[in-house]
Amino acid sequence: MLETRIGRIGEILTSLWLDKINVPNEICHVAGADIIAEYHNIIYRIQVKARQKKDFNRHGNRRSVYAFQICKGGNKVKLTREDCDIVALVCIPLEKVIFCHVDSNIKITTRLKDQEFLKKNIAQLTWSQSVRALSK
């Protein structure tokens, strides 16, 4: 699947999950963000990172993780608060989203297993954690 299609599907799934947890949002590419959401009268800029397939190891075998690149540009510059407020990590095959605030200790390459996405209420839980951390 083309990277642009994967990104578009990731944006749609993120928007859907935000709707499911009662967070008004719009897909709109503004200043590096993919989605703008309003929560408790605060606007949040969300950058979506989506993965369709699991990662391969150096021997060419499929691993049990999805590898997300939490960066911008070809030089892999880590995202900062100037770029967005929240990063949405989308596992397309499972149709699940994990949110993390951009100031968290996420690595430029973040690897997550299926089990992380399958935790109960993961979208709502990680959204709440992210906005709480940003309000401090």
N, C-alpha and C. Protein backbone atom coordinates (compact mmCIF):
# COMPACT_ATOMS: atom_id res chain seq x y z
N MET A 1 0.85 -1.17 0.00
CA MET A 1 0.00 0.00 0.00
C MET A 1 0.90 1.24 0.00
N LEU A 2 0.53 2.25 -0.74
CA LEU A 2 1.30 3.48 -0.81
C LEU A 2 1.34 4.19 0.54
N GLU A 3 2.49 4.83 0.83
CA GLU A 3 2.64 5.55 2.10
C GLU A 3 1.56 6.62 2.28
N THR A 4 1.17 7.29 1.19
CA THR A 4 0.14 8.32 1.31
C THR A 4 -1.20 7.72 1.71
N ARG A 5 -1.50 6.52 1.23
CA ARG A 5 -2.76 5.84 1.60
C ARG A 5 -2.69 5.40 3.06
N ILE A 6 -1.54 4.90 3.48
CA ILE A 6 -1.37 4.48 4.87
C ILE A 6 -1.57 5.68 5.79
N GLY A 7 -0.97 6.82 5.43
CA GLY A 7 -1.13 8.03 6.23
C GLY A 7 -2.58 8.49 6.29
N ARG A 8 -3.26 8.45 5.17
CA ARG A 8 -4.68 8.88 5.13
C ARG A 8 -5.55 7.96 5.98
N ILE A 9 -5.33 6.65 5.89
CA ILE A 9 -6.08 5.70 6.71
C ILE A 9 -5.79 5.95 8.19
N GLY A 10 -4.53 6.22 8.52
CA GLY A 10 -4.16 6.53 9.91
C GLY A 10 -4.89 7.77 10.42
N GLU A 11 -4.99 8.80 9.60
CA GLU A 11 -5.71 10.02 9.99
C GLU A 11 -7.18 9.73 10.22
N ILE A 12 -7.78 8.95 9.34
CA ILE A 12 -9.20 8.62 9.49
C ILE A 12 -9.45 7.81 10.75
N LEU A 13 -8.60 6.82 11.02
CA LEU A 13 -8.76 6.01 12.23
C LEU A 13 -8.56 6.86 13.49
N THR A 14 -7.60 7.76 13.45
CA THR A 14 -7.37 8.64 14.61
C THR A 14 -8.59 9.53 14.84
N SER A 15 -9.10 10.11 13.78
CA SER A 15 -10.28 10.96 13.90
C SER A 15 -11.48 10.17 14.43
N LEU A 16 -11.64 8.95 13.95
CA LEU A 16 -12.72 8.08 14.42
C LEU A 16 -12.59 7.80 15.91
N TRP A 17 -11.37 7.46 16.37
CA TRP A 17 -11.17 7.18 17.79
C TRP A 17 -11.38 8.42 18.64
N LEU A 18 -10.97 9.57 18.15
CA LEU A 18 -11.24 10.80 18.89
C LEU A 18 -12.75 11.03 19.01
N ASP A 19 -13.47 10.78 17.94
CA ASP A 19 -14.94 10.89 17.99
C ASP A 19 -15.52 9.90 19.00
N LYS A 20 -15.00 8.68 19.02
CA LYS A 20 -15.50 7.66 19.95
C LYS A 20 -15.30 8.07 21.40
N ILE A 21 -14.24 8.82 21.70
CA ILE A 21 -13.99 9.24 23.08
C ILE A 21 -14.45 10.68 23.31
N ASN A 22 -15.33 11.16 22.41
CA ASN A 22 -15.98 12.48 22.56
C ASN A 22 -15.01 13.65 22.53
N VAL A 23 -14.05 13.60 21.62
CA VAL A 23 -13.12 14.70 21.42
C VAL A 23 -13.37 15.26 20.02
N PRO A 24 -13.99 16.46 19.92
CA PRO A 24 -14.23 17.05 18.60
C PRO A 24 -12.91 17.27 17.87
N ASN A 25 -12.90 16.97 16.57
CA ASN A 25 -11.66 17.07 15.81
C ASN A 25 -11.96 17.26 14.34
N GLU A 26 -10.94 17.71 13.62
CA GLU A 26 -11.00 17.86 12.17
C GLU A 26 -9.66 17.44 11.58
N ILE A 27 -9.72 16.70 10.49
CA ILE A 27 -8.51 16.40 9.75
C ILE A 27 -8.18 17.64 8.93
N CYS A 28 -7.06 18.24 9.19
CA CYS A 28 -6.64 19.43 8.44
C CYS A 28 -5.13 19.58 8.62
N HIS A 29 -4.44 19.62 7.53
CA HIS A 29 -2.98 19.69 7.58
C HIS A 29 -2.54 21.13 7.74
N VAL A 30 -2.25 21.49 8.99
CA VAL A 30 -1.88 22.87 9.33
C VAL A 30 -0.56 22.85 10.10
N ALA A 31 0.43 23.54 9.58
CA ALA A 31 1.71 23.73 10.27
C ALA A 31 2.27 22.43 10.85
N GLY A 32 2.26 21.37 10.05
CA GLY A 32 2.86 20.12 10.47
C GLY A 32 1.94 19.17 11.20
N ALA A 33 0.76 19.61 11.57
CA ALA A 33 -0.20 18.73 12.25
C ALA A 33 -1.15 18.13 11.21
N ASP A 34 -1.68 16.96 11.53
CA ASP A 34 -2.63 16.29 10.63
C ASP A 34 -4.07 16.48 11.09
N ILE A 35 -4.24 16.61 12.41
CA ILE A 35 -5.57 16.74 13.00
C ILE A 35 -5.54 17.84 14.05
N ILE A 36 -6.60 18.61 14.11
CA ILE A 36 -6.78 19.61 15.16
C ILE A 36 -7.94 19.13 16.01
N ALA A 37 -7.73 19.07 17.33
CA ALA A 37 -8.78 18.62 18.24
C ALA A 37 -8.98 19.66 19.34
N GLU A 38 -10.21 19.75 19.81
CA GLU A 38 -10.52 20.65 20.92
C GLU A 38 -10.99 19.81 22.10
N TYR A 39 -10.37 20.05 23.24
CA TYR A 39 -10.72 19.28 24.44
C TYR A 39 -10.64 20.22 25.62
N HIS A 40 -11.75 20.39 26.32
CA HIS A 40 -11.85 21.31 27.46
C HIS A 40 -11.38 22.70 27.08
N ASN A 41 -11.86 23.17 25.93
CA ASN A 41 -11.57 24.52 25.43
C ASN A 41 -10.10 24.77 25.11
N ILE A 42 -9.34 23.72 24.90
CA ILE A 42 -7.95 23.84 24.51
C ILE A 42 -7.78 23.15 23.15
N ILE A 43 -7.05 23.79 22.25
CA ILE A 43 -6.79 23.23 20.93
C ILE A 43 -5.50 22.41 20.97
N TYR A 44 -5.56 21.19 20.44
CA TYR A 44 -4.40 20.31 20.37
C TYR A 44 -4.10 19.99 18.91
N ARG A 45 -2.82 20.08 18.56
CA ARG A 45 -2.35 19.73 17.22
C ARG A 45 -1.80 18.30 17.28
N ILE A 46 -2.34 17.44 16.42
CA ILE A 46 -1.99 16.02 16.46
C ILE A 46 -1.27 15.62 15.18
N GLN A 47 -0.12 15.00 15.34
CA GLN A 47 0.63 14.43 14.23
C GLN A 47 0.36 12.93 14.23
N VAL A 48 -0.06 12.39 13.10
CA VAL A 48 -0.41 10.98 12.99
C VAL A 48 0.75 10.20 12.38
N LYS A 49 1.09 9.10 13.01
CA LYS A 49 2.10 8.17 12.50
C LYS A 49 1.43 6.81 12.41
N ALA A 50 1.34 6.26 11.21
CA ALA A 50 0.60 5.01 11.00
C ALA A 50 1.52 3.93 10.43
N ARG A 51 1.24 2.70 10.83
CA ARG A 51 1.98 1.55 10.31
C ARG A 51 1.00 0.50 9.84
N GLN A 52 1.31 -0.07 8.69
CA GLN A 52 0.49 -1.12 8.08
C GLN A 52 1.08 -2.51 8.37
N LYS A 53 2.42 -2.58 8.40
CA LYS A 53 3.09 -3.87 8.55
C LYS A 53 4.06 -3.85 9.72
N LYS A 54 4.33 -5.04 10.21
CA LYS A 54 5.32 -5.17 11.27
C LYS A 54 6.71 -5.00 10.69
N ASP A 55 7.63 -4.68 11.57
CA ASP A 55 9.02 -4.41 11.20
C ASP A 55 9.77 -5.71 10.91
N PHE A 56 10.86 -5.61 10.14
CA PHE A 56 11.75 -6.74 9.86
C PHE A 56 13.03 -6.56 10.66
N ASN A 57 13.64 -7.68 11.05
CA ASN A 57 14.94 -7.58 11.71
C ASN A 57 16.03 -7.60 10.64
N ARG A 58 17.28 -7.53 11.05
CA ARG A 58 18.38 -7.43 10.08
C ARG A 58 18.56 -8.70 9.26
N HIS A 59 17.94 -9.81 9.68
CA HIS A 59 18.03 -11.06 8.93
C HIS A 59 16.87 -11.21 7.94
N GLY A 60 16.00 -10.20 7.90
CA GLY A 60 14.88 -10.24 6.97
C GLY A 60 13.65 -10.96 7.49
N ASN A 61 13.67 -11.35 8.77
CA ASN A 61 12.52 -12.02 9.38
C ASN A 61 11.57 -10.98 9.98
N ARG A 62 10.27 -11.24 9.83
CA ARG A 62 9.29 -10.32 10.38
C ARG A 62 9.33 -10.38 11.91
N ARG A 63 9.38 -9.20 12.52
CA ARG A 63 9.40 -9.12 13.98
C ARG A 63 7.99 -8.94 14.49
N SER A 64 7.83 -8.93 15.78
CA SER A 64 6.50 -8.83 16.37
C SER A 64 6.19 -7.40 16.79
N VAL A 65 6.83 -6.42 16.15
CA VAL A 65 6.62 -5.03 16.55
C VAL A 65 6.31 -4.16 15.33
N TYR A 66 5.62 -3.06 15.61
CA TYR A 66 5.41 -2.01 14.63
C TYR A 66 6.39 -0.89 14.98
N ALA A 67 7.18 -0.46 14.02
CA ALA A 67 8.19 0.57 14.26
C ALA A 67 7.68 1.90 13.71
N PHE A 68 7.53 2.88 14.59
CA PHE A 68 7.05 4.21 14.23
C PHE A 68 8.21 5.19 14.24
N GLN A 69 8.29 6.03 13.24
CA GLN A 69 9.31 7.08 13.17
C GLN A 69 8.70 8.38 13.69
N ILE A 70 9.06 8.76 14.91
CA ILE A 70 8.50 9.95 15.56
C ILE A 70 9.44 11.12 15.25
N CYS A 71 9.46 11.52 13.99
CA CYS A 71 10.38 12.56 13.57
C CYS A 71 9.85 13.24 12.33
N LYS A 72 10.61 14.22 11.88
CA LYS A 72 10.24 14.94 10.65
C LYS A 72 11.46 15.02 9.76
N GLY A 73 11.22 15.06 8.47
CA GLY A 73 12.31 15.24 7.52
C GLY A 73 13.20 14.03 7.35
N GLY A 74 14.03 14.07 6.32
CA GLY A 74 14.94 12.98 6.03
C GLY A 74 16.05 12.83 7.04
N ASN A 75 16.30 13.87 7.82
CA ASN A 75 17.37 13.81 8.82
C ASN A 75 16.90 13.25 10.15
N LYS A 76 15.64 12.82 10.22
CA LYS A 76 15.06 12.25 11.44
C LYS A 76 15.21 13.19 12.64
N VAL A 77 14.69 14.38 12.50
CA VAL A 77 14.69 15.35 13.58
C VAL A 77 13.47 15.07 14.45
N LYS A 78 13.70 14.88 15.75
CA LYS A 78 12.61 14.55 16.67
C LYS A 78 11.56 15.66 16.70
N LEU A 79 10.30 15.26 16.74
CA LEU A 79 9.21 16.22 16.85
C LEU A 79 9.28 16.95 18.19
N THR A 80 8.92 18.22 18.18
CA THR A 80 8.89 19.02 19.41
C THR A 80 7.55 19.72 19.52
N ARG A 81 7.38 20.46 20.59
CA ARG A 81 6.15 21.22 20.84
C ARG A 81 5.91 22.27 19.76
N GLU A 82 6.95 22.69 19.05
CA GLU A 82 6.78 23.62 17.94
C GLU A 82 6.05 22.95 16.77
N ASP A 83 6.18 21.64 16.66
CA ASP A 83 5.58 20.89 15.55
C ASP A 83 4.15 20.46 15.84
N CYS A 84 3.92 19.93 17.03
CA CYS A 84 2.60 19.41 17.40
C CYS A 84 2.55 19.25 18.92
N ASP A 85 1.38 18.89 19.42
CA ASP A 85 1.21 18.68 20.86
C ASP A 85 1.17 17.19 21.20
N ILE A 86 0.51 16.44 20.33
CA ILE A 86 0.27 15.02 20.58
C ILE A 86 0.60 14.24 19.32
N VAL A 87 1.17 13.05 19.52
CA VAL A 87 1.43 12.14 18.42
C VAL A 87 0.47 10.96 18.55
N ALA A 88 -0.17 10.61 17.45
CA ALA A 88 -1.06 9.45 17.41
C ALA A 88 -0.34 8.32 16.69
N LEU A 89 -0.14 7.21 17.37
CA LEU A 89 0.49 6.04 16.79
C LEU A 89 -0.63 5.07 16.41
N VAL A 90 -0.76 4.81 15.11
CA VAL A 90 -1.88 4.05 14.60
C VAL A 90 -1.42 2.71 14.05
N CYS A 91 -2.02 1.63 14.56
CA CYS A 91 -1.80 0.29 14.04
C CYS A 91 -2.97 -0.02 13.11
N ILE A 92 -2.73 0.08 11.82
CA ILE A 92 -3.82 -0.07 10.85
C ILE A 92 -4.45 -1.47 10.88
N PRO A 93 -3.68 -2.56 10.91
CA PRO A 93 -4.33 -3.88 10.92
C PRO A 93 -5.27 -4.09 12.12
N LEU A 94 -4.92 -3.52 13.27
CA LEU A 94 -5.76 -3.68 14.46
C LEU A 94 -6.78 -2.55 14.60
N GLU A 95 -6.63 -1.50 13.78
CA GLU A 95 -7.50 -0.31 13.82
C GLU A 95 -7.54 0.30 15.22
N LYS A 96 -6.36 0.45 15.81
CA LYS A 96 -6.21 0.99 17.16
C LYS A 96 -5.24 2.16 17.16
N VAL A 97 -5.40 3.04 18.15
CA VAL A 97 -4.58 4.24 18.27
C VAL A 97 -4.06 4.38 19.69
N ILE A 98 -2.79 4.75 19.80
CA ILE A 98 -2.19 5.12 21.08
C ILE A 98 -1.73 6.57 20.94
N PHE A 99 -2.11 7.41 21.90
CA PHE A 99 -1.70 8.81 21.90
C PHE A 99 -0.55 9.01 22.87
N CYS A 100 0.37 9.91 22.54
CA CYS A 100 1.41 10.31 23.49
C CYS A 100 1.74 11.78 23.25
N HIS A 101 1.99 12.50 24.33
CA HIS A 101 2.32 13.91 24.16
C HIS A 101 3.74 14.02 23.65
N VAL A 102 3.97 15.03 22.86
CA VAL A 102 5.24 15.15 22.14
C VAL A 102 6.42 15.35 23.10
N ASP A 103 6.17 15.84 24.31
CA ASP A 103 7.24 16.05 25.27
C ASP A 103 7.59 14.78 26.06
N SER A 104 6.86 13.70 25.83
CA SER A 104 7.13 12.47 26.57
C SER A 104 8.48 11.89 26.14
N ASN A 105 8.88 10.86 26.78
CA ASN A 105 10.18 10.26 26.49
C ASN A 105 10.14 9.28 25.33
N ILE A 106 9.31 9.56 24.34
CA ILE A 106 9.26 8.68 23.18
C ILE A 106 10.55 8.82 22.37
N LYS A 107 11.00 7.73 21.83
CA LYS A 107 12.23 7.71 21.04
C LYS A 107 11.89 8.05 19.59
N ILE A 108 12.88 8.46 18.84
CA ILE A 108 12.66 8.75 17.42
C ILE A 108 12.09 7.52 16.72
N THR A 109 12.65 6.35 17.00
CA THR A 109 12.06 5.11 16.52
C THR A 109 11.42 4.42 17.71
N THR A 110 10.10 4.37 17.70
CA THR A 110 9.35 3.75 18.80
C THR A 110 8.75 2.45 18.30
N ARG A 111 9.02 1.37 19.03
CA ARG A 111 8.52 0.06 18.64
C ARG A 111 7.46 -0.40 19.64
N LEU A 112 6.31 -0.81 19.10
CA LEU A 112 5.21 -1.28 19.94
C LEU A 112 4.70 -2.63 19.45
N LYS A 113 4.39 -3.50 20.40
CA LYS A 113 3.84 -4.81 20.09
C LYS A 113 2.32 -4.73 19.98
N ASP A 114 1.73 -5.74 19.36
CA ASP A 114 0.27 -5.83 19.25
C ASP A 114 -0.41 -5.63 20.60
N GLN A 115 0.16 -6.25 21.63
CA GLN A 115 -0.46 -6.23 22.96
C GLN A 115 -0.67 -4.81 23.48
N GLU A 116 0.23 -3.89 23.13
CA GLU A 116 0.08 -2.50 23.59
C GLU A 116 -1.20 -1.89 23.02
N PHE A 117 -1.48 -2.16 21.76
CA PHE A 117 -2.67 -1.61 21.12
C PHE A 117 -3.95 -2.28 21.59
N LEU A 118 -3.84 -3.50 22.08
CA LEU A 118 -5.03 -4.27 22.47
C LEU A 118 -5.44 -4.08 23.93
N LYS A 119 -4.72 -3.26 24.66
CA LYS A 119 -5.11 -2.99 26.04
C LYS A 119 -6.48 -2.32 26.08
N LYS A 120 -7.23 -2.62 27.09
CA LYS A 120 -8.60 -2.09 27.21
C LYS A 120 -8.59 -0.56 27.27
N ASN A 121 -9.45 0.07 26.48
CA ASN A 121 -9.64 1.52 26.45
C ASN A 121 -8.33 2.28 26.20
N ILE A 122 -7.44 1.72 25.38
CA ILE A 122 -6.11 2.31 25.20
C ILE A 122 -6.18 3.72 24.62
N ALA A 123 -7.07 3.97 23.68
CA ALA A 123 -7.16 5.32 23.09
C ALA A 123 -7.59 6.34 24.14
N GLN A 124 -8.63 6.04 24.89
CA GLN A 124 -9.11 6.98 25.90
C GLN A 124 -8.09 7.16 27.02
N LEU A 125 -7.47 6.09 27.45
CA LEU A 125 -6.48 6.16 28.53
C LEU A 125 -5.28 7.00 28.12
N THR A 126 -4.73 6.74 26.93
CA THR A 126 -3.54 7.48 26.52
C THR A 126 -3.87 8.92 26.14
N TRP A 127 -5.09 9.17 25.64
CA TRP A 127 -5.50 10.56 25.37
C TRP A 127 -5.53 11.34 26.69
N SER A 128 -6.17 10.77 27.70
CA SER A 128 -6.27 11.44 29.01
C SER A 128 -4.89 11.70 29.60
N GLN A 129 -4.01 10.71 29.52
CA GLN A 129 -2.65 10.88 30.04
C GLN A 129 -1.91 11.99 29.30
N SER A 130 -2.09 12.06 28.01
CA SER A 130 -1.39 13.05 27.21
C SER A 130 -1.84 14.47 27.51
N VAL A 131 -3.16 14.69 27.55
CA VAL A 131 -3.64 16.05 27.81
C VAL A 131 -3.35 16.48 29.24
N ARG A 132 -3.37 15.52 30.17
CA ARG A 132 -3.04 15.83 31.56
C ARG A 132 -1.58 16.26 31.67
N ALA A 133 -0.70 15.55 30.99
CA ALA A 133 0.73 15.89 31.03
C ALA A 133 0.99 17.25 30.37
N LEU A 134 0.27 17.56 29.32
CA LEU A 134 0.46 18.85 28.64
C LEU A 134 -0.07 20.03 29.44
N SER A 135 -1.00 19.78 30.34
CA SER A 135 -1.59 20.88 31.12
C SER A 135 -0.75 21.25 32.34
N LYS A 136 0.30 20.50 32.60
CA LYS A 136 1.16 20.78 33.76
C LYS A 136 2.10 21.91 33.48
